[in-house]
C-alpha atoms as a PDB file:
ATOM      1  CA  MET A   1     -29.010   6.243  18.804  1.00  0.00           C
ATOM      2  CA  ASN A   2     -27.407   9.576  18.066  1.00  0.00           C
ATOM      3  CA  PRO A   3     -28.473  10.687  14.630  1.00  0.00           C
ATOM      4  CA  ILE A   4     -25.171  12.885  14.270  1.00  0.00           C
ATOM      5  CA  ILE A   5     -22.666   9.789  14.929  1.00  0.00           C
ATOM      6  CA  ASP A   6     -25.128   7.464  12.675  1.00  0.00           C
ATOM      7  CA  ASP A   7     -24.512  10.062   9.796  1.00  0.00           C
ATOM      8  CA  LEU A   8     -20.937  10.307  10.119  1.00  0.00           C
ATOM      9  CA  GLU A   9     -20.799   6.236  10.349  1.00  0.00           C
ATOM     10  CA  SER A  10     -22.910   5.653   7.280  1.00  0.00           C
ATOM     11  CA  LYS A  11     -20.386   7.055   5.048  1.00  0.00           C
ATOM     12  CA  PHE A  12     -17.983   4.461   6.168  1.00  0.00           C
ATOM     13  CA  LEU A  13     -20.545   1.378   5.904  1.00  0.00           C
ATOM     14  CA  ASP A  14     -20.559   1.444   2.111  1.00  0.00           C
ATOM     15  CA  LYS A  15     -17.891  -1.356   1.844  1.00  0.00           C
ATOM     16  CA  GLU A  16     -19.586  -4.338   0.162  1.00  0.00           C
ATOM     17  CA  LEU A  17     -18.748  -7.645   2.406  1.00  0.00           C
ATOM     18  CA  PRO A  18     -20.083 -11.048   2.113  1.00  0.00           C
ATOM     19  CA  GLU A  19     -22.014 -12.545   4.893  1.00  0.00           C
ATOM     20  CA  ILE A  20     -19.824 -13.919   7.701  1.00  0.00           C
ATOM     21  CA  ASN A  21     -20.756 -16.259  10.352  1.00  0.00           C
ATOM     22  CA  PRO A  22     -18.681 -18.161  12.961  1.00  0.00           C
ATOM     23  CA  GLY A  23     -17.463 -21.290  11.707  1.00  0.00           C
ATOM     24  CA  ASP A  24     -16.793 -19.919   8.160  1.00  0.00           C
ATOM     25  CA  THR A  25     -13.546 -20.462   6.723  1.00  0.00           C
ATOM     26  CA  VAL A  26     -12.319 -17.067   5.287  1.00  0.00           C
ATOM     27  CA  LYS A  27      -9.244 -15.427   3.804  1.00  0.00           C
ATOM     28  CA  VAL A  28      -8.583 -11.959   4.573  1.00  0.00           C
ATOM     29  CA  PHE A  29      -6.538  -9.677   2.271  1.00  0.00           C
ATOM     30  CA  VAL A  30      -4.889  -6.831   4.713  1.00  0.00           C
ATOM     31  CA  ARG A  31      -2.615  -3.931   3.508  1.00  0.00           C
ATOM     32  CA  ILE A  32       0.551  -3.819   5.063  1.00  0.00           C
ATOM     33  CA  VAL A  33       2.732  -1.022   5.004  1.00  0.00           C
ATOM     34  CA  GLU A  34       6.559  -1.647   5.463  1.00  0.00           C
ATOM     35  CA  GLY A  35       8.596   1.387   5.239  1.00  0.00           C
ATOM     36  CA  ASN A  36       7.374   3.326   1.825  1.00  0.00           C
ATOM     37  CA  LYS A  37       6.290   0.252   0.332  1.00  0.00           C
ATOM     38  CA  GLU A  38       2.583  -1.190   0.574  1.00  0.00           C
ATOM     39  CA  ARG A  39       1.535  -4.738  -0.178  1.00  0.00           C
ATOM     40  CA  THR A  40      -1.057  -7.345   0.542  1.00  0.00           C
ATOM     41  CA  GLN A  41      -1.093 -10.191   2.839  1.00  0.00           C
ATOM     42  CA  ALA A  42      -3.677 -12.891   3.106  1.00  0.00           C
ATOM     43  CA  PHE A  43      -4.607 -14.320   6.593  1.00  0.00           C
ATOM     44  CA  GLU A  44      -6.558 -17.649   5.920  1.00  0.00           C
ATOM     45  CA  GLY A  45      -8.368 -19.147   8.987  1.00  0.00           C
ATOM     46  CA  THR A  46     -11.631 -20.169  10.595  1.00  0.00           C
ATOM     47  CA  VAL A  47     -13.972 -17.443  12.130  1.00  0.00           C
ATOM     48  CA  ILE A  48     -14.441 -18.137  15.742  1.00  0.00           C
ATOM     49  CA  LYS A  49     -16.105 -14.912  16.969  1.00  0.00           C
ATOM     50  CA  LYS A  50     -18.238 -12.002  15.387  1.00  0.00           C
ATOM     51  CA  HIS A  51     -18.309  -8.875  17.747  1.00  0.00           C
ATOM     52  CA  GLY A  52     -19.905  -5.339  17.804  1.00  0.00           C
ATOM     53  CA  ALA A  53     -22.373  -3.518  15.613  1.00  0.00           C
ATOM     54  CA  GLY A  54     -22.177  -1.087  12.866  1.00  0.00           C
ATOM     55  CA  ILE A  55     -18.962   0.541  12.036  1.00  0.00           C
ATOM     56  CA  ASN A  56     -17.114  -1.422  15.046  1.00  0.00           C
ATOM     57  CA  LYS A  57     -18.046  -4.652  13.860  1.00  0.00           C
ATOM     58  CA  THR A  58     -15.238  -7.112  14.214  1.00  0.00           C
ATOM     59  CA  ILE A  59     -14.325 -11.008  13.486  1.00  0.00           C
ATOM     60  CA  THR A  60     -11.751 -12.971  15.233  1.00  0.00           C
ATOM     61  CA  VAL A  61      -9.991 -15.401  12.956  1.00  0.00           C
ATOM     62  CA  ARG A  62      -8.054 -18.273  13.999  1.00  0.00           C
ATOM     63  CA  LYS A  63      -5.470 -20.519  12.086  1.00  0.00           C
ATOM     64  CA  VAL A  64      -2.648 -23.013  13.150  1.00  0.00           C
ATOM     65  CA  PHE A  65       0.769 -22.072  11.811  1.00  0.00           C
ATOM     66  CA  GLN A  66       3.701 -24.277  12.563  1.00  0.00           C
ATOM     67  CA  GLY A  67       2.050 -25.980  15.367  1.00  0.00           C
ATOM     68  CA  VAL A  68       1.007 -22.589  17.055  1.00  0.00           C
ATOM     69  CA  GLY A  69      -2.532 -21.357  17.360  1.00  0.00           C
ATOM     70  CA  VAL A  70      -2.524 -17.896  15.802  1.00  0.00           C
ATOM     71  CA  GLU A  71      -5.469 -15.592  16.320  1.00  0.00           C
ATOM     72  CA  ARG A  72      -6.250 -12.142  14.594  1.00  0.00           C
ATOM     73  CA  VAL A  73      -8.873  -9.778  14.990  1.00  0.00           C
ATOM     74  CA  PHE A  74      -9.912  -7.804  12.010  1.00  0.00           C
ATOM     75  CA  LEU A  75     -12.127  -4.551  12.053  1.00  0.00           C
ATOM     76  CA  LEU A  76     -14.553  -5.129   9.048  1.00  0.00           C
ATOM     77  CA  TYR A  77     -14.945  -1.467   8.003  1.00  0.00           C
ATOM     78  CA  SER A  78     -11.144  -0.676   8.140  1.00  0.00           C
ATOM     79  CA  PRO A  79      -9.657   0.789   5.318  1.00  0.00           C
ATOM     80  CA  ARG A  80      -6.491  -1.710   5.874  1.00  0.00           C
ATOM     81  CA  ILE A  81      -9.120  -4.427   4.690  1.00  0.00           C
ATOM     82  CA  GLU A  82      -9.014  -4.985   1.093  1.00  0.00           C
ATOM     83  CA  LYS A  83     -11.521  -7.806   0.689  1.00  0.00           C
ATOM     84  CA  ILE A  84     -12.806 -10.953   2.303  1.00  0.00           C
ATOM     85  CA  ASN A  85     -13.406 -14.250   0.693  1.00  0.00           C
ATOM     86  CA  VAL A  86     -15.384 -16.889   2.128  1.00  0.00           C
ATOM     87  CA  LEU A  87     -14.034 -20.160   1.093  1.00  0.00           C
ATOM     88  CA  ARG A  88     -16.308 -22.432   3.115  1.00  0.00           C
ATOM     89  CA  ARG A  89     -19.316 -22.163   5.086  1.00  0.00           C
ATOM     90  CA  GLY A  90     -19.209 -23.904   8.572  1.00  0.00           C
ATOM     91  CA  ASP A  91     -22.130 -25.641  10.090  1.00  0.00           C
ATOM     92  CA  VAL A  92     -22.039 -24.921  13.777  1.00  0.00           C
ATOM     93  CA  ARG A  93     -24.449 -24.819  16.557  1.00  0.00           C
ATOM     94  CA  ARG A  94     -22.949 -21.809  18.735  1.00  0.00           C
ATOM     95  CA  SER A  95     -21.917 -18.097  17.981  1.00  0.00           C
ATOM     96  CA  LYS A  96     -18.582 -18.398  19.925  1.00  0.00           C
ATOM     97  CA  LEU A  97     -16.112 -21.269  19.043  1.00  0.00           C
ATOM     98  CA  TYR A  98     -13.715 -21.022  21.690  1.00  0.00           C
ATOM     99  CA  TYR A  99     -13.363 -24.769  22.259  1.00  0.00           C
ATOM    100  CA  LEU A 100     -11.395 -24.957  18.991  1.00  0.00           C
ATOM    101  CA  ARG A 101      -8.487 -23.169  21.000  1.00  0.00           C
ATOM    102  CA  GLU A 102      -8.040 -26.474  22.933  1.00  0.00           C
ATOM    103  CA  ARG A 103      -8.254 -28.881  20.170  1.00  0.00           C
ATOM    104  CA  SER A 104      -5.721 -29.859  17.564  1.00  0.00           C
ATOM    105  CA  GLY A 105      -5.648 -31.956  14.329  1.00  0.00           C
ATOM    106  CA  LYS A 106      -8.886 -33.491  13.128  1.00  0.00           C
ATOM    107  CA  ALA A 107     -10.687 -32.659  16.256  1.00  0.00           C
ATOM    108  CA  THR A 108     -10.810 -29.096  14.882  1.00  0.00           C
ATOM    109  CA  ARG A 109     -12.800 -29.933  11.750  1.00  0.00           C
ATOM    110  CA  ILE A 110     -16.043 -28.360  11.210  1.00  0.00           C
ATOM    111  CA  LYS A 111     -18.896 -29.858   9.079  1.00  0.00           C
ATOM    112  CA  GLU A 112     -19.597 -27.749   5.830  1.00  0.00           C
ATOM    113  CA  LYS A 113     -23.049 -26.196   5.615  1.00  0.00           C
ATOM    114  CA  ILE A 114     -25.025 -27.685   2.488  1.00  0.00           C
ATOM    115  CA  GLU A 115     -26.937 -24.745   1.001  1.00  0.00           C
ATOM    116  CA  LYS A 116     -30.248 -25.277  -0.909  1.00  0.00           C
ATOM    117  CA  ARG A 117     -30.101 -23.928  -4.424  1.00  0.00           C
END
């Protein structure tokens, strides 16, 4: 839309990211600053939502930890995101997987997408 904003954003869009879709199981490595130390923490879960465009693109990742569902929203082009690994490709028919919030255990399984060689 605005060429000035597009020019500014293009400088930050150079990060190399894998193709991420809802239903994929991903491992997001996030830089965390604690006091004067910095470490990397991994967050592994299922992508239930993609949102936004350009520099404002986000994904919502859900995992169940000790019986409690944890969802976290990641800004894809944030400098805090170190890397994203796609562990499994999910075969789903919808773009928002909110129905996973009501399910637990084996009911949350998602079929794996079989890719052509």
